[in-house]
Structures are given as C-alpha cells and as structure tokens.
Amino acid sequence: MTDIVTIISSGINGLRVVALLVGANFDFDMISFFTGSPSILGFFVPEILAWIFIGYITGSIAKGFRRGTIASLLVVIVVLLIWIILSIFSQVDLMALFQGTQLTETLGGIISAFSGVLIGGVAGGLVSGPYEEF
C-alpha cells in the first residue's frame, strides 16, 4: 500500500495509477509457476483467487454453464482492453511488456487470468442453475 501512496504523492497522473492497479491483476505468471517448482500454496496468490472470484460472481449472475463461461471470459477481455487503453493514455511503454523476458511474464499473467475466470465462471454457472427464458 505504501507504493500507491508514494506514486500518488510524487505527482504522477491519476491515469498511470489506475493503469498500474488494473495491470496488477495480471501479475501472477502461470507459465513460470509450472516451469519452476510448483507448490499448492504458491498457487493461492491473490491475483488468481481474485480472478476465480470474479468468474464465480459473473457466472452466477449469467446463470448457466455456457453463459457463465462466456460472460466470465468477456470480463477478462474487457479488463485487458481497459488496461491497454489506460496504459496508452498514461504513456506507459507497452512494447516493453510484450518483448524479451517480459513477454512470458505478461502472457503468463493473461493466461492465469483466463484460467481463473474459466474455473470461476464454470463453477458459478453450474451453481446458479440452468438459464430459463421467460
């Protein structure tokens, strides 16, 4: 929390702060998690748990297996687009995130977001029951 207070007090614009906060959702790198030495406790990091919870809530609102899965995947796509657009407006170097060693970390974060909401969306869609038309 002190990093955010330091960023705000240092005079950096608000768009950059919001872009950093939205981009923090993609910090868990699933590729390096599975290529390293995976542990069950290492999997329960706040980012993946947040995506599972977001997927569960979205799936339970959408009702139904298929609709819950599609709705939760759309949430990740919208958040990813918001992160890219805010990064462009706050003049963050996005090319650095998609080159070299940062590429696997960024793709691992995006893959972990998609897998988290997929798990949560399926669970939320199944728990909420089938979709019923009126």
N, C-alpha and C. Protein backbone atom coordinates (compact mmCIF):
# COMPACT_ATOMS: atom_id res chain seq x y z
N MET A 1 0.82 -1.19 0.00
CA MET A 1 0.00 0.00 0.00
C MET A 1 0.86 1.25 0.00
N THR A 2 2.06 1.15 0.51
CA THR A 2 2.93 2.32 0.53
C THR A 2 3.39 2.69 -0.86
N ASP A 3 3.45 1.74 -1.79
CA ASP A 3 3.83 2.06 -3.16
C ASP A 3 2.80 2.97 -3.81
N ILE A 4 1.53 2.70 -3.56
CA ILE A 4 0.47 3.52 -4.15
C ILE A 4 0.51 4.92 -3.56
N VAL A 5 0.72 5.03 -2.25
CA VAL A 5 0.81 6.34 -1.61
C VAL A 5 2.01 7.11 -2.14
N THR A 6 3.12 6.43 -2.37
CA THR A 6 4.30 7.08 -2.92
C THR A 6 4.05 7.55 -4.34
N ILE A 7 3.38 6.75 -5.13
CA ILE A 7 3.08 7.13 -6.50
C ILE A 7 2.16 8.34 -6.54
N ILE A 8 1.12 8.33 -5.70
CA ILE A 8 0.17 9.44 -5.69
C ILE A 8 0.83 10.72 -5.20
N SER A 9 1.66 10.64 -4.17
CA SER A 9 2.27 11.84 -3.61
C SER A 9 3.42 12.37 -4.46
N SER A 10 3.94 11.55 -5.37
CA SER A 10 5.06 12.01 -6.18
C SER A 10 4.62 12.85 -7.38
N GLY A 11 3.34 12.98 -7.61
CA GLY A 11 2.85 13.85 -8.66
C GLY A 11 2.59 13.14 -9.98
N ILE A 12 2.60 11.83 -10.00
CA ILE A 12 2.28 11.10 -11.23
C ILE A 12 0.77 11.19 -11.45
N ASN A 13 0.38 11.27 -12.70
CA ASN A 13 -1.03 11.46 -13.02
C ASN A 13 -1.89 10.28 -12.57
N GLY A 14 -3.18 10.54 -12.43
CA GLY A 14 -4.10 9.53 -11.93
C GLY A 14 -4.32 8.38 -12.89
N LEU A 15 -4.21 8.64 -14.19
CA LEU A 15 -4.38 7.55 -15.15
C LEU A 15 -3.30 6.49 -15.00
N ARG A 16 -2.09 6.91 -14.70
CA ARG A 16 -1.00 5.94 -14.52
C ARG A 16 -1.24 5.09 -13.27
N VAL A 17 -1.77 5.70 -12.23
CA VAL A 17 -2.08 4.95 -11.01
C VAL A 17 -3.16 3.91 -11.29
N VAL A 18 -4.21 4.30 -12.00
CA VAL A 18 -5.28 3.37 -12.33
C VAL A 18 -4.77 2.27 -13.26
N ALA A 19 -3.92 2.62 -14.22
CA ALA A 19 -3.35 1.62 -15.12
C ALA A 19 -2.49 0.62 -14.36
N LEU A 20 -1.74 1.09 -13.37
CA LEU A 20 -0.93 0.18 -12.55
C LEU A 20 -1.80 -0.73 -11.70
N LEU A 21 -2.89 -0.19 -11.17
CA LEU A 21 -3.78 -1.01 -10.35
C LEU A 21 -4.51 -2.07 -11.19
N VAL A 22 -4.95 -1.69 -12.37
CA VAL A 22 -5.62 -2.66 -13.24
C VAL A 22 -4.61 -3.69 -13.75
N GLY A 23 -3.41 -3.26 -14.07
CA GLY A 23 -2.37 -4.17 -14.53
C GLY A 23 -1.87 -5.10 -13.45
N ALA A 24 -2.08 -4.74 -12.19
CA ALA A 24 -1.65 -5.62 -11.10
C ALA A 24 -2.46 -6.91 -11.05
N ASN A 25 -3.62 -6.93 -11.69
CA ASN A 25 -4.42 -8.16 -11.75
C ASN A 25 -3.76 -9.23 -12.60
N PHE A 26 -2.82 -8.84 -13.46
CA PHE A 26 -2.17 -9.78 -14.34
C PHE A 26 -0.75 -10.12 -13.88
N ASP A 27 -0.47 -10.00 -12.58
CA ASP A 27 0.89 -10.22 -12.08
C ASP A 27 1.25 -11.69 -11.88
N PHE A 28 0.30 -12.55 -11.62
CA PHE A 28 0.62 -13.95 -11.38
C PHE A 28 0.98 -14.62 -12.70
N ASP A 29 2.22 -15.10 -12.80
CA ASP A 29 2.73 -15.70 -14.02
C ASP A 29 2.57 -17.21 -13.95
N MET A 30 1.56 -17.74 -14.63
CA MET A 30 1.29 -19.16 -14.59
C MET A 30 2.34 -19.97 -15.34
N ILE A 31 2.97 -19.40 -16.34
CA ILE A 31 4.00 -20.12 -17.10
C ILE A 31 5.20 -20.40 -16.21
N SER A 32 5.69 -19.39 -15.51
CA SER A 32 6.85 -19.62 -14.64
C SER A 32 6.47 -20.44 -13.41
N PHE A 33 5.21 -20.40 -13.03
CA PHE A 33 4.76 -21.22 -11.90
C PHE A 33 4.89 -22.70 -12.23
N PHE A 34 4.45 -23.09 -13.42
CA PHE A 34 4.51 -24.50 -13.78
C PHE A 34 5.87 -24.93 -14.31
N THR A 35 6.68 -24.04 -14.84
CA THR A 35 8.02 -24.41 -15.29
C THR A 35 9.00 -24.45 -14.13
N GLY A 36 8.70 -23.79 -13.03
CA GLY A 36 9.54 -23.83 -11.85
C GLY A 36 9.19 -25.02 -10.99
N SER A 37 9.23 -24.83 -9.71
CA SER A 37 8.83 -25.90 -8.79
C SER A 37 7.48 -25.53 -8.18
N PRO A 38 6.39 -26.01 -8.77
CA PRO A 38 5.06 -25.60 -8.28
C PRO A 38 4.74 -26.20 -6.92
N SER A 39 4.12 -25.39 -6.10
CA SER A 39 3.63 -25.86 -4.80
C SER A 39 2.16 -25.46 -4.70
N ILE A 40 1.43 -26.18 -3.91
CA ILE A 40 0.00 -25.91 -3.80
C ILE A 40 -0.25 -24.56 -3.12
N LEU A 41 0.61 -24.17 -2.19
CA LEU A 41 0.44 -22.88 -1.54
C LEU A 41 0.83 -21.72 -2.45
N GLY A 42 1.75 -21.97 -3.39
CA GLY A 42 2.13 -20.93 -4.33
C GLY A 42 1.05 -20.61 -5.33
N PHE A 43 0.10 -21.53 -5.49
CA PHE A 43 -0.99 -21.30 -6.44
C PHE A 43 -2.03 -20.34 -5.88
N PHE A 44 -2.15 -20.27 -4.56
CA PHE A 44 -3.18 -19.43 -3.94
C PHE A 44 -2.67 -18.02 -3.69
N VAL A 45 -2.33 -17.34 -4.75
CA VAL A 45 -1.92 -15.94 -4.65
C VAL A 45 -3.15 -15.07 -4.86
N PRO A 46 -3.14 -13.84 -4.41
CA PRO A 46 -4.34 -13.01 -4.50
C PRO A 46 -4.85 -12.78 -5.92
N GLU A 47 -3.96 -12.72 -6.91
CA GLU A 47 -4.41 -12.44 -8.26
C GLU A 47 -5.29 -13.56 -8.81
N ILE A 48 -4.84 -14.82 -8.67
CA ILE A 48 -5.62 -15.93 -9.23
C ILE A 48 -6.91 -16.13 -8.44
N LEU A 49 -6.85 -15.92 -7.13
CA LEU A 49 -8.07 -16.03 -6.33
C LEU A 49 -9.07 -14.94 -6.68
N ALA A 50 -8.57 -13.75 -6.99
CA ALA A 50 -9.46 -12.66 -7.41
C ALA A 50 -10.13 -12.98 -8.74
N TRP A 51 -9.38 -13.56 -9.68
CA TRP A 51 -9.98 -13.92 -10.96
C TRP A 51 -10.99 -15.04 -10.81
N ILE A 52 -10.71 -16.00 -9.93
CA ILE A 52 -11.68 -17.07 -9.69
C ILE A 52 -12.96 -16.50 -9.08
N PHE A 53 -12.82 -15.57 -8.14
CA PHE A 53 -13.98 -14.94 -7.52
C PHE A 53 -14.77 -14.11 -8.53
N ILE A 54 -14.07 -13.35 -9.38
CA ILE A 54 -14.74 -12.56 -10.40
C ILE A 54 -15.49 -13.47 -11.37
N GLY A 55 -14.86 -14.57 -11.75
CA GLY A 55 -15.52 -15.52 -12.64
C GLY A 55 -16.73 -16.16 -11.99
N TYR A 56 -16.62 -16.47 -10.71
CA TYR A 56 -17.74 -17.08 -10.00
C TYR A 56 -18.93 -16.12 -9.92
N ILE A 57 -18.66 -14.89 -9.57
CA ILE A 57 -19.74 -13.90 -9.48
C ILE A 57 -20.37 -13.67 -10.85
N THR A 58 -19.54 -13.55 -11.88
CA THR A 58 -20.06 -13.34 -13.23
C THR A 58 -20.86 -14.54 -13.70
N GLY A 59 -20.36 -15.75 -13.44
CA GLY A 59 -21.07 -16.95 -13.84
C GLY A 59 -22.38 -17.13 -13.11
N SER A 60 -22.42 -16.76 -11.84
CA SER A 60 -23.67 -16.90 -11.10
C SER A 60 -24.70 -15.85 -11.52
N ILE A 61 -24.25 -14.70 -11.95
CA ILE A 61 -25.17 -13.69 -12.46
C ILE A 61 -25.71 -14.11 -13.83
N ALA A 62 -24.84 -14.67 -14.67
CA ALA A 62 -25.25 -15.03 -16.02
C ALA A 62 -26.14 -16.27 -16.04
N LYS A 63 -26.04 -17.14 -15.07
CA LYS A 63 -26.83 -18.36 -14.95
C LYS A 63 -26.63 -19.30 -16.13
N GLY A 64 -26.19 -20.48 -15.83
CA GLY A 64 -25.99 -21.50 -16.85
C GLY A 64 -24.52 -21.72 -17.15
N PHE A 65 -24.19 -22.93 -17.53
CA PHE A 65 -22.80 -23.32 -17.78
C PHE A 65 -22.19 -22.51 -18.92
N ARG A 66 -22.83 -22.53 -20.07
CA ARG A 66 -22.29 -21.88 -21.25
C ARG A 66 -22.30 -20.36 -21.11
N ARG A 67 -23.39 -19.81 -20.64
CA ARG A 67 -23.49 -18.36 -20.49
C ARG A 67 -22.53 -17.84 -19.42
N GLY A 68 -22.35 -18.61 -18.33
CA GLY A 68 -21.42 -18.20 -17.29
C GLY A 68 -19.98 -18.20 -17.77
N THR A 69 -19.63 -19.20 -18.58
CA THR A 69 -18.28 -19.28 -19.12
C THR A 69 -18.01 -18.14 -20.09
N ILE A 70 -18.94 -17.88 -20.97
CA ILE A 70 -18.76 -16.80 -21.95
C ILE A 70 -18.72 -15.44 -21.27
N ALA A 71 -19.59 -15.21 -20.31
CA ALA A 71 -19.63 -13.92 -19.62
C ALA A 71 -18.35 -13.68 -18.82
N SER A 72 -17.83 -14.71 -18.18
CA SER A 72 -16.60 -14.52 -17.40
C SER A 72 -15.40 -14.29 -18.30
N LEU A 73 -15.35 -14.95 -19.45
CA LEU A 73 -14.25 -14.69 -20.39
C LEU A 73 -14.34 -13.29 -20.97
N LEU A 74 -15.55 -12.79 -21.17
CA LEU A 74 -15.71 -11.42 -21.66
C LEU A 74 -15.25 -10.39 -20.63
N VAL A 75 -15.39 -10.71 -19.36
CA VAL A 75 -14.92 -9.81 -18.31
C VAL A 75 -13.40 -9.64 -18.40
N VAL A 76 -12.68 -10.74 -18.63
CA VAL A 76 -11.22 -10.64 -18.75
C VAL A 76 -10.83 -9.83 -19.98
N ILE A 77 -11.53 -10.03 -21.07
CA ILE A 77 -11.22 -9.29 -22.29
C ILE A 77 -11.45 -7.79 -22.07
N VAL A 78 -12.54 -7.44 -21.40
CA VAL A 78 -12.82 -6.02 -21.14
C VAL A 78 -11.77 -5.42 -20.20
N VAL A 79 -11.39 -6.14 -19.15
CA VAL A 79 -10.37 -5.64 -18.23
C VAL A 79 -9.02 -5.50 -18.94
N LEU A 80 -8.69 -6.44 -19.80
CA LEU A 80 -7.45 -6.37 -20.57
C LEU A 80 -7.45 -5.16 -21.50
N LEU A 81 -8.58 -4.90 -22.15
CA LEU A 81 -8.68 -3.72 -23.01
C LEU A 81 -8.60 -2.42 -22.22
N ILE A 82 -9.24 -2.40 -21.04
CA ILE A 82 -9.16 -1.21 -20.19
C ILE A 82 -7.72 -0.97 -19.76
N TRP A 83 -6.99 -2.03 -19.42
CA TRP A 83 -5.59 -1.91 -19.02
C TRP A 83 -4.74 -1.37 -20.17
N ILE A 84 -4.96 -1.86 -21.38
CA ILE A 84 -4.18 -1.39 -22.52
C ILE A 84 -4.51 0.06 -22.85
N ILE A 85 -5.79 0.42 -22.83
CA ILE A 85 -6.18 1.79 -23.16
C ILE A 85 -5.67 2.77 -22.11
N LEU A 86 -5.80 2.42 -20.83
CA LEU A 86 -5.28 3.31 -19.78
C LEU A 86 -3.76 3.43 -19.85
N SER A 87 -3.08 2.34 -20.22
CA SER A 87 -1.63 2.41 -20.36
C SER A 87 -1.23 3.29 -21.53
N ILE A 88 -1.99 3.27 -22.60
CA ILE A 88 -1.70 4.13 -23.74
C ILE A 88 -1.89 5.60 -23.36
N PHE A 89 -3.00 5.92 -22.69
CA PHE A 89 -3.25 7.31 -22.31
C PHE A 89 -2.30 7.82 -21.24
N SER A 90 -1.79 6.94 -20.39
CA SER A 90 -0.85 7.39 -19.36
C SER A 90 0.60 7.26 -19.81
N GLN A 91 0.83 6.93 -21.07
CA GLN A 91 2.14 6.88 -21.71
C GLN A 91 3.07 5.85 -21.08
N VAL A 92 2.52 4.68 -20.75
CA VAL A 92 3.32 3.56 -20.28
C VAL A 92 3.85 2.83 -21.50
N ASP A 93 5.08 2.36 -21.44
CA ASP A 93 5.69 1.66 -22.56
C ASP A 93 5.15 0.23 -22.62
N LEU A 94 4.14 0.02 -23.44
CA LEU A 94 3.54 -1.31 -23.58
C LEU A 94 4.43 -2.27 -24.35
N MET A 95 5.25 -1.76 -25.24
CA MET A 95 6.12 -2.64 -26.03
C MET A 95 7.13 -3.35 -25.14
N ALA A 96 7.49 -2.73 -24.02
CA ALA A 96 8.42 -3.38 -23.11
C ALA A 96 7.78 -4.60 -22.45
N LEU A 97 6.46 -4.57 -22.28
CA LEU A 97 5.77 -5.70 -21.67
C LEU A 97 5.61 -6.88 -22.62
N PHE A 98 5.69 -6.64 -23.92
CA PHE A 98 5.47 -7.69 -24.90
C PHE A 98 6.74 -8.00 -25.69
N GLN A 99 7.91 -7.83 -25.08
CA GLN A 99 9.19 -8.16 -25.71
C GLN A 99 10.09 -8.88 -24.74
N GLY A 100 10.95 -9.71 -25.24
CA GLY A 100 12.01 -10.33 -24.46
C GLY A 100 11.52 -11.14 -23.28
N THR A 101 12.14 -10.93 -22.14
CA THR A 101 11.80 -11.71 -20.94
C THR A 101 10.45 -11.31 -20.36
N GLN A 102 10.03 -10.09 -20.61
CA GLN A 102 8.74 -9.64 -20.11
C GLN A 102 7.57 -10.30 -20.83
N LEU A 103 7.83 -10.83 -22.04
CA LEU A 103 6.76 -11.43 -22.82
C LEU A 103 6.17 -12.64 -22.11
N THR A 104 7.02 -13.51 -21.56
CA THR A 104 6.49 -14.69 -20.88
C THR A 104 5.77 -14.31 -19.60
N GLU A 105 6.22 -13.28 -18.91
CA GLU A 105 5.54 -12.83 -17.70
C GLU A 105 4.17 -12.23 -18.03
N THR A 106 4.10 -11.44 -19.09
CA THR A 106 2.83 -10.84 -19.48
C THR A 106 1.86 -11.89 -19.99
N LEU A 107 2.32 -12.79 -20.85
CA LEU A 107 1.46 -13.85 -21.34
C LEU A 107 1.05 -14.80 -20.23
N GLY A 108 1.95 -15.06 -19.29
CA GLY A 108 1.60 -15.90 -18.14
C GLY A 108 0.53 -15.26 -17.27
N GLY A 109 0.59 -13.94 -17.11
CA GLY A 109 -0.45 -13.23 -16.36
C GLY A 109 -1.79 -13.26 -17.06
N ILE A 110 -1.77 -13.12 -18.38
CA ILE A 110 -3.02 -13.16 -19.15
C ILE A 110 -3.60 -14.57 -19.14
N ILE A 111 -2.75 -15.58 -19.28
CA ILE A 111 -3.21 -16.98 -19.23
C ILE A 111 -3.79 -17.31 -17.87
N SER A 112 -3.16 -16.83 -16.81
CA SER A 112 -3.68 -17.10 -15.46
C SER A 112 -5.02 -16.40 -15.24
N ALA A 113 -5.19 -15.21 -15.82
CA ALA A 113 -6.48 -14.53 -15.70
C ALA A 113 -7.58 -15.31 -16.42
N PHE A 114 -7.29 -15.77 -17.63
CA PHE A 114 -8.27 -16.54 -18.37
C PHE A 114 -8.59 -17.86 -17.68
N SER A 115 -7.58 -18.54 -17.15
CA SER A 115 -7.85 -19.81 -16.48
C SER A 115 -8.60 -19.60 -15.17
N GLY A 116 -8.30 -18.52 -14.45
CA GLY A 116 -9.01 -18.24 -13.21
C GLY A 116 -10.48 -17.95 -13.42
N VAL A 117 -10.80 -17.10 -14.40
CA VAL A 117 -12.21 -16.81 -14.64
C VAL A 117 -12.92 -17.98 -15.29
N LEU A 118 -12.18 -18.82 -16.00
CA LEU A 118 -12.80 -20.00 -16.57
C LEU A 118 -13.24 -20.96 -15.46
N ILE A 119 -12.38 -21.16 -14.48
CA ILE A 119 -12.74 -22.01 -13.34
C ILE A 119 -13.91 -21.40 -12.57
N GLY A 120 -13.82 -20.10 -12.27
CA GLY A 120 -14.88 -19.44 -11.53
C GLY A 120 -16.18 -19.33 -12.30
N GLY A 121 -16.09 -19.07 -13.61
CA GLY A 121 -17.29 -18.96 -14.43
C GLY A 121 -18.03 -20.27 -14.56
N VAL A 122 -17.28 -21.36 -14.70
CA VAL A 122 -17.90 -22.68 -14.78
C VAL A 122 -18.57 -23.03 -13.46
N ALA A 123 -17.86 -22.77 -12.36
CA ALA A 123 -18.43 -23.07 -11.04
C ALA A 123 -19.67 -22.21 -10.76
N GLY A 124 -19.59 -20.93 -11.05
CA GLY A 124 -20.73 -20.04 -10.83
C GLY A 124 -21.91 -20.37 -11.71
N GLY A 125 -21.65 -20.74 -12.96
CA GLY A 125 -22.72 -21.11 -13.87
C GLY A 125 -23.40 -22.40 -13.47
N LEU A 126 -22.62 -23.34 -12.97
CA LEU A 126 -23.22 -24.63 -12.55
C LEU A 126 -24.00 -24.48 -11.25
N VAL A 127 -23.52 -23.66 -10.33
CA VAL A 127 -24.17 -23.49 -9.05
C VAL A 127 -25.50 -22.74 -9.20
N SER A 128 -25.51 -21.74 -10.11
CA SER A 128 -26.70 -20.92 -10.23
C SER A 128 -27.84 -21.61 -10.97
N GLY A 129 -27.57 -22.73 -11.60
CA GLY A 129 -28.63 -23.47 -12.27
C GLY A 129 -28.72 -23.15 -13.74
N PRO A 130 -29.62 -23.82 -14.45
CA PRO A 130 -29.75 -23.57 -15.88
C PRO A 130 -30.42 -22.23 -16.18
N TYR A 131 -30.12 -21.73 -17.34
CA TYR A 131 -30.74 -20.48 -17.78
C TYR A 131 -32.19 -20.76 -18.19
N GLU A 132 -33.09 -19.91 -17.74
CA GLU A 132 -34.51 -20.10 -18.02
C GLU A 132 -35.04 -18.86 -18.73
N GLU A 133 -35.64 -19.07 -19.88
CA GLU A 133 -36.24 -17.95 -20.61
C GLU A 133 -37.65 -17.74 -20.10
N PHE A 134 -38.07 -16.49 -20.06
CA PHE A 134 -39.43 -16.18 -19.61
C PHE A 134 -40.31 -15.91 -20.79
